[in-house]
Amino acid sequence: MSYNRRQFIKTGGVFASALALGGTTDLFAAYKPLKQFGLQLYTLRDDLPKDPKGILKQVAAFGYKQIEGYEGGQGIYWGMSNKEFKKFGDDLGITMVSTHCDINKDFEKKAAEAGEIGMKYLICPYIGPQKTLDDYKRYADKFNACGDICKKNGLRFAYHNHGYTFTKLDGVMPQDTLMQNTNADTVDFEMDIYWVATPGEDPIAWLKKYPKRWRLCHVKDRQKGADPKEHDASVDLGTGSLDFAKILKEAKKLNMEYFIVEQERYAGTTPLKAAEVDAAYMKKLSI
């Protein structure tokens, strides 16, 4: 039997199996390139304040279609109004889907401004390690209140994890406490994959444990062989220890909507170059 005939029979078998399961659409859906991915602007925290518009133009040129903001010295919108920022982004072909912000200051105003321009999420970026599980429960209550405010303004609220919620406290994972005591109708979670892996946890296991709660993620690679106690071990995507092709495929199956690049260390390069390299990596991913 010739190679071509063997290959034809093999391929035909694959298509037959796909048809038996409901058609070929699902067969190819698993291999679609990731067309929409974002950048957490904190990656460019040393450059952005100097020239916000110029830096955003470069971000768009790298191929990012989405951005996630953070609350810097010039505010969430970098000296522009919310509507001015949206128009500038629209002209560049990028959408601000979310922003990290201080949830303890003017939160209702932030929610109103974000909702006005169609943002999807306001996100709490950090609460710090808490002393007791009751402290985490109090934060869960706070998140629920923020979720209610966001809902009134047409968007949602989320919490971005660090490693401390994946380190047991009194035999319990604080991340479980936060997820089990927040309202799934109004509060989601942004998985920083790097910070799940750093204490030794499995991101895929956590995605499966709460399949409808993780709606955004930070795609941030971790240096190969880095000690778990080494927190500052961020590297260019594709050069570290995290198997994003595998992790992100599972994430997409489990309702992940937003894939946001973040890098916090730039050994031998610059933040802008790292953002460009990371974008090139994301363009090659099929999930």
Protein backbone atom coordinates (compact mmCIF):
# COMPACT_ATOMS: atom_id res chain seq x y z
CA MET A 1 0.00 0.00 0.00
CA SER A 2 1.39 3.40 -0.95
CA TYR A 3 2.03 6.09 1.66
CA ASN A 4 -0.61 8.35 0.09
CA ARG A 5 -3.24 5.61 0.25
CA ARG A 6 -2.37 4.79 3.88
CA GLN A 7 -2.55 8.48 4.73
CA PHE A 8 -5.92 8.80 2.96
CA ILE A 9 -7.35 5.89 4.92
CA LYS A 10 -5.96 7.28 8.19
CA THR A 11 -7.37 10.73 7.48
CA GLY A 12 -10.70 9.24 6.43
CA GLY A 13 -10.88 7.41 9.72
CA VAL A 14 -10.34 10.62 11.64
CA PHE A 15 -13.10 12.36 9.69
CA ALA A 16 -15.43 9.39 10.18
CA SER A 17 -14.85 9.52 13.93
CA ALA A 18 -15.46 13.26 13.95
CA LEU A 19 -18.69 12.86 11.98
CA ALA A 20 -19.87 10.13 14.33
CA LEU A 21 -19.39 12.56 17.21
CA GLY A 22 -21.33 15.31 15.52
CA GLY A 23 -19.33 16.69 12.62
CA THR A 24 -15.90 18.09 11.80
CA THR A 25 -16.39 21.48 13.42
CA ASP A 26 -15.13 20.30 16.82
CA LEU A 27 -12.17 18.58 15.17
CA PHE A 28 -10.81 21.83 13.83
CA ALA A 29 -12.05 24.09 16.63
CA ALA A 30 -9.36 22.68 18.93
CA TYR A 31 -6.63 23.97 16.65
CA LYS A 32 -7.70 27.56 15.98
CA PRO A 33 -5.01 30.22 16.47
CA LEU A 34 -5.56 32.53 19.42
CA LYS A 35 -6.63 35.67 17.57
CA GLN A 36 -7.59 37.80 20.55
CA PHE A 37 -5.12 38.26 23.38
CA GLY A 38 -4.25 41.15 25.62
CA LEU A 39 -1.43 42.83 27.48
CA GLN A 40 -1.45 43.90 31.12
CA LEU A 41 -0.01 47.39 30.84
CA TYR A 42 1.88 46.93 34.11
CA THR A 43 4.37 45.04 31.93
CA LEU A 44 5.35 48.47 30.58
CA ARG A 45 5.18 50.35 33.88
CA ASP A 46 8.62 51.93 33.36
CA ASP A 47 7.79 53.21 29.86
CA LEU A 48 4.08 53.96 29.82
CA PRO A 49 4.11 57.03 32.12
CA LYS A 50 6.66 58.76 29.85
CA ASP A 51 4.54 58.57 26.69
CA PRO A 52 1.19 56.79 27.13
CA LYS A 53 -0.07 57.33 23.59
CA GLY A 54 3.23 56.45 21.95
CA ILE A 55 3.58 53.27 23.98
CA LEU A 56 0.00 52.21 23.24
CA LYS A 57 0.68 52.64 19.53
CA GLN A 58 3.60 50.23 19.85
CA VAL A 59 1.46 47.77 21.80
CA ALA A 60 -1.07 47.76 18.96
CA ALA A 61 1.70 47.34 16.39
CA PHE A 62 2.92 44.20 18.21
CA GLY A 63 -0.47 42.60 17.54
CA TYR A 64 -2.27 42.98 20.85
CA LYS A 65 -6.00 43.52 20.32
CA GLN A 66 -6.86 43.89 23.99
CA ILE A 67 -5.32 45.65 26.96
CA GLU A 68 -5.76 45.44 30.69
CA GLY A 69 -5.02 48.60 32.59
CA TYR A 70 -3.77 49.39 36.04
CA GLU A 71 -4.14 52.43 38.25
CA GLY A 72 -0.94 54.44 37.93
CA GLY A 73 0.00 57.95 38.94
CA GLN A 74 -1.95 59.38 36.00
CA GLY A 75 -5.04 57.32 36.75
CA ILE A 76 -6.57 54.41 34.90
CA TYR A 77 -6.85 56.38 31.66
CA TRP A 78 -3.40 58.00 31.69
CA GLY A 79 -4.42 61.64 31.74
CA MET A 80 -7.31 61.12 29.35
CA SER A 81 -11.01 60.88 30.17
CA ASN A 82 -12.56 57.44 29.91
CA LYS A 83 -14.20 58.36 26.58
CA GLU A 84 -11.01 59.90 25.19
CA PHE A 85 -9.09 56.78 26.10
CA LYS A 86 -11.67 54.55 24.45
CA LYS A 87 -11.61 56.59 21.24
CA PHE A 88 -7.82 56.50 21.15
CA GLY A 89 -7.88 52.73 21.62
CA ASP A 90 -10.57 52.29 18.98
CA ASP A 91 -8.46 54.21 16.50
CA LEU A 92 -5.56 51.82 17.22
CA GLY A 93 -7.73 48.72 17.04
CA ILE A 94 -7.30 47.79 20.71
CA THR A 95 -9.96 47.37 23.38
CA MET A 96 -9.56 47.92 27.10
CA VAL A 97 -11.36 44.85 28.43
CA SER A 98 -10.41 45.25 32.08
CA THR A 99 -8.35 47.19 34.57
CA HIS A 100 -6.77 46.57 37.94
CA CYS A 101 -7.71 49.25 40.42
CA ASP A 102 -7.81 50.30 44.06
CA ILE A 103 -11.17 48.98 45.21
CA ASN A 104 -11.08 51.08 48.39
CA LYS A 105 -11.15 54.47 46.71
CA ASP A 106 -13.96 55.94 44.55
CA PHE A 107 -15.02 52.48 43.42
CA GLU A 108 -18.53 53.50 42.38
CA LYS A 109 -17.11 56.24 40.17
CA LYS A 110 -14.63 53.82 38.63
CA ALA A 111 -17.40 51.33 37.91
CA ALA A 112 -19.57 54.01 36.31
CA GLU A 113 -16.73 55.24 34.08
CA ALA A 114 -15.72 51.71 33.10
CA GLY A 115 -19.29 50.71 32.31
CA GLU A 116 -19.77 53.85 30.24
CA ILE A 117 -17.09 52.73 27.77
CA GLY A 118 -18.07 49.07 27.68
CA MET A 119 -15.26 47.67 29.80
CA LYS A 120 -15.91 44.09 30.94
CA TYR A 121 -14.15 43.93 34.31
CA LEU A 122 -12.84 45.89 37.25
CA ILE A 123 -10.27 43.78 39.08
CA CYS A 124 -8.76 43.81 42.55
CA PRO A 125 -5.06 43.11 41.96
CA TYR A 126 -3.84 42.39 45.49
CA ILE A 127 -5.00 42.07 49.08
CA GLY A 128 -1.85 40.66 50.64
CA PRO A 129 -1.49 37.57 52.83
CA GLN A 130 -4.12 37.57 55.58
CA LYS A 131 -3.64 36.31 59.12
CA THR A 132 -6.83 34.25 59.39
CA LEU A 133 -9.43 32.60 57.16
CA ASP A 134 -11.99 34.98 58.64
CA ASP A 135 -9.96 37.83 57.18
CA TYR A 136 -10.30 36.21 53.75
CA LYS A 137 -14.05 35.81 54.33
CA ARG A 138 -14.29 39.51 55.05
CA TYR A 139 -12.57 40.17 51.73
CA ALA A 140 -15.06 37.84 50.08
CA ASP A 141 -17.84 40.04 51.47
CA LYS A 142 -16.05 43.09 50.10
CA PHE A 143 -15.77 41.43 46.67
CA ASN A 144 -19.49 40.67 46.73
CA ALA A 145 -20.23 44.33 47.39
CA CYS A 146 -17.93 45.34 44.54
CA GLY A 147 -19.66 42.79 42.32
CA ASP A 148 -23.04 44.36 43.06
CA ILE A 149 -21.72 47.81 42.17
CA CYS A 150 -20.23 46.52 38.93
CA LYS A 151 -23.47 44.76 37.99
CA LYS A 152 -25.38 48.03 38.32
CA ASN A 153 -22.97 49.55 35.83
CA GLY A 154 -23.06 46.75 33.27
CA LEU A 155 -19.74 45.03 33.99
CA ARG A 156 -18.31 42.41 36.33
CA PHE A 157 -15.84 42.24 39.18
CA ALA A 158 -12.88 39.88 39.54
CA TYR A 159 -9.98 39.15 41.88
CA HIS A 160 -6.44 38.52 40.62
CA ASN A 161 -4.55 35.97 42.70
CA HIS A 162 -1.02 35.87 44.00
CA GLY A 163 0.80 32.93 45.53
CA TYR A 164 -0.36 33.55 49.09
CA THR A 165 -3.91 32.31 48.39
CA PHE A 166 -2.41 29.01 47.19
CA THR A 167 -0.52 28.40 50.44
CA LYS A 168 -2.55 26.64 53.12
CA LEU A 169 -3.66 28.53 56.19
CA ASP A 170 -4.98 26.35 59.04
CA GLY A 171 -5.14 23.46 56.58
CA VAL A 172 -7.28 25.38 54.08
CA MET A 173 -6.41 27.05 50.79
CA PRO A 174 -7.42 30.72 51.10
CA GLN A 175 -8.29 30.62 47.39
CA ASP A 176 -11.03 28.10 48.19
CA THR A 177 -12.32 30.40 50.92
CA LEU A 178 -12.54 33.33 48.51
CA MET A 179 -14.21 31.34 45.75
CA GLN A 180 -16.69 29.56 47.99
CA ASN A 181 -17.79 32.73 49.76
CA THR A 182 -18.28 34.96 46.72
CA ASN A 183 -21.35 35.28 44.53
CA ALA A 184 -20.78 33.42 41.27
CA ASP A 185 -23.36 35.65 39.57
CA THR A 186 -21.31 38.80 40.06
CA VAL A 187 -17.74 37.84 41.06
CA ASP A 188 -15.23 36.07 38.82
CA PHE A 189 -11.52 35.37 39.17
CA GLU A 190 -8.47 36.18 37.09
CA MET A 191 -5.98 33.33 37.29
CA ASP A 192 -2.39 34.48 37.33
CA ILE A 193 -1.01 31.17 36.12
CA TYR A 194 2.51 32.06 37.26
CA TRP A 195 1.32 32.63 40.81
CA VAL A 196 -0.63 29.36 40.91
CA ALA A 197 2.45 27.42 39.80
CA THR A 198 4.97 29.22 42.03
CA PRO A 199 3.81 27.57 45.31
CA GLY A 200 3.62 24.23 43.48
CA GLU A 201 -0.06 24.07 42.56
CA ASP A 202 -1.43 22.78 39.25
CA PRO A 203 -3.25 25.49 37.22
CA ILE A 204 -5.27 22.92 35.26
CA ALA A 205 -6.50 21.24 38.45
CA TRP A 206 -7.74 24.60 39.73
CA LEU A 207 -9.38 25.43 36.40
CA LYS A 208 -11.26 22.14 36.62
CA LYS A 209 -12.16 22.64 40.27
CA TYR A 210 -13.95 25.92 39.50
CA PRO A 211 -14.72 25.68 35.77
CA LYS A 212 -17.04 28.66 35.52
CA ARG A 213 -15.26 31.08 37.84
CA TRP A 214 -11.95 31.71 36.05
CA ARG A 215 -12.83 34.07 33.18
CA LEU A 216 -9.54 35.91 32.69
CA CYS A 217 -5.94 34.78 33.05
CA HIS A 218 -2.44 36.19 33.14
CA VAL A 219 -0.14 34.39 30.77
CA LYS A 220 3.21 34.81 32.50
CA ASP A 221 6.07 32.33 32.23
CA ARG A 222 8.34 31.20 35.07
CA GLN A 223 12.07 30.56 34.78
CA LYS A 224 13.00 26.90 34.50
CA GLY A 225 14.39 25.50 37.73
CA ALA A 226 13.50 28.57 39.78
CA ASP A 227 13.21 27.91 43.50
CA PRO A 228 9.58 28.13 44.74
CA LYS A 229 10.74 30.81 47.16
CA GLU A 230 11.99 32.92 44.23
CA HIS A 231 9.08 35.18 43.38
CA ASP A 232 10.81 37.36 40.80
CA ALA A 233 11.39 34.73 38.11
CA SER A 234 9.27 36.01 35.20
CA VAL A 235 10.73 35.35 31.72
CA ASP A 236 9.77 35.68 28.05
CA LEU A 237 6.88 33.44 27.05
CA GLY A 238 8.02 30.10 25.72
CA THR A 239 11.39 30.15 27.47
CA GLY A 240 10.17 29.11 30.92
CA SER A 241 8.71 26.08 32.64
CA LEU A 242 4.98 26.55 32.02
CA ASP A 243 3.29 24.57 29.24
CA PHE A 244 0.90 27.22 28.00
CA ALA A 245 -0.17 25.26 24.92
CA LYS A 246 -1.61 22.65 27.28
CA ILE A 247 -2.82 24.98 30.04
CA LEU A 248 -4.59 27.46 27.76
CA LYS A 249 -6.33 24.74 25.75
CA GLU A 250 -7.83 23.45 28.97
CA ALA A 251 -8.63 26.97 30.11
CA LYS A 252 -10.56 27.69 26.93
CA LYS A 253 -12.56 24.47 27.32
CA LEU A 254 -13.44 25.56 30.86
CA ASN A 255 -14.91 28.99 29.96
CA MET A 256 -11.79 31.19 30.01
CA GLU A 257 -12.54 34.30 27.94
CA TYR A 258 -9.54 36.63 28.21
CA PHE A 259 -5.88 35.69 27.80
CA ILE A 260 -3.69 38.53 29.02
CA VAL A 261 0.09 38.60 28.77
CA GLU A 262 2.10 39.92 31.70
CA GLN A 263 5.85 39.99 32.27
CA GLU A 264 7.57 41.54 35.27
CA ARG A 265 11.27 40.82 34.73
CA TYR A 266 13.34 41.49 31.60
CA ALA A 267 16.73 39.78 31.84
CA GLY A 268 18.94 40.99 29.00
CA THR A 269 16.14 42.85 27.23
CA THR A 270 13.68 45.74 27.65
CA PRO A 271 10.00 45.75 28.64
CA LEU A 272 8.94 46.76 25.14
CA LYS A 273 11.03 44.08 23.48
CA ALA A 274 9.66 41.52 25.93
CA ALA A 275 6.10 42.59 25.07
CA GLU A 276 6.90 42.18 21.38
CA VAL A 277 8.44 38.71 21.89
CA ASP A 278 5.48 37.66 24.03
CA ALA A 279 3.02 38.80 21.34
CA ALA A 280 4.88 36.73 18.73
CA TYR A 281 4.58 33.69 21.01
CA MET A 282 0.85 34.22 21.52
CA LYS A 283 0.24 34.49 17.77
CA LYS A 284 1.69 31.02 17.29
CA LEU A 285 -0.53 29.39 19.90
CA SER A 286 -3.45 27.27 18.76
CA ILE A 287 -5.97 26.49 21.47
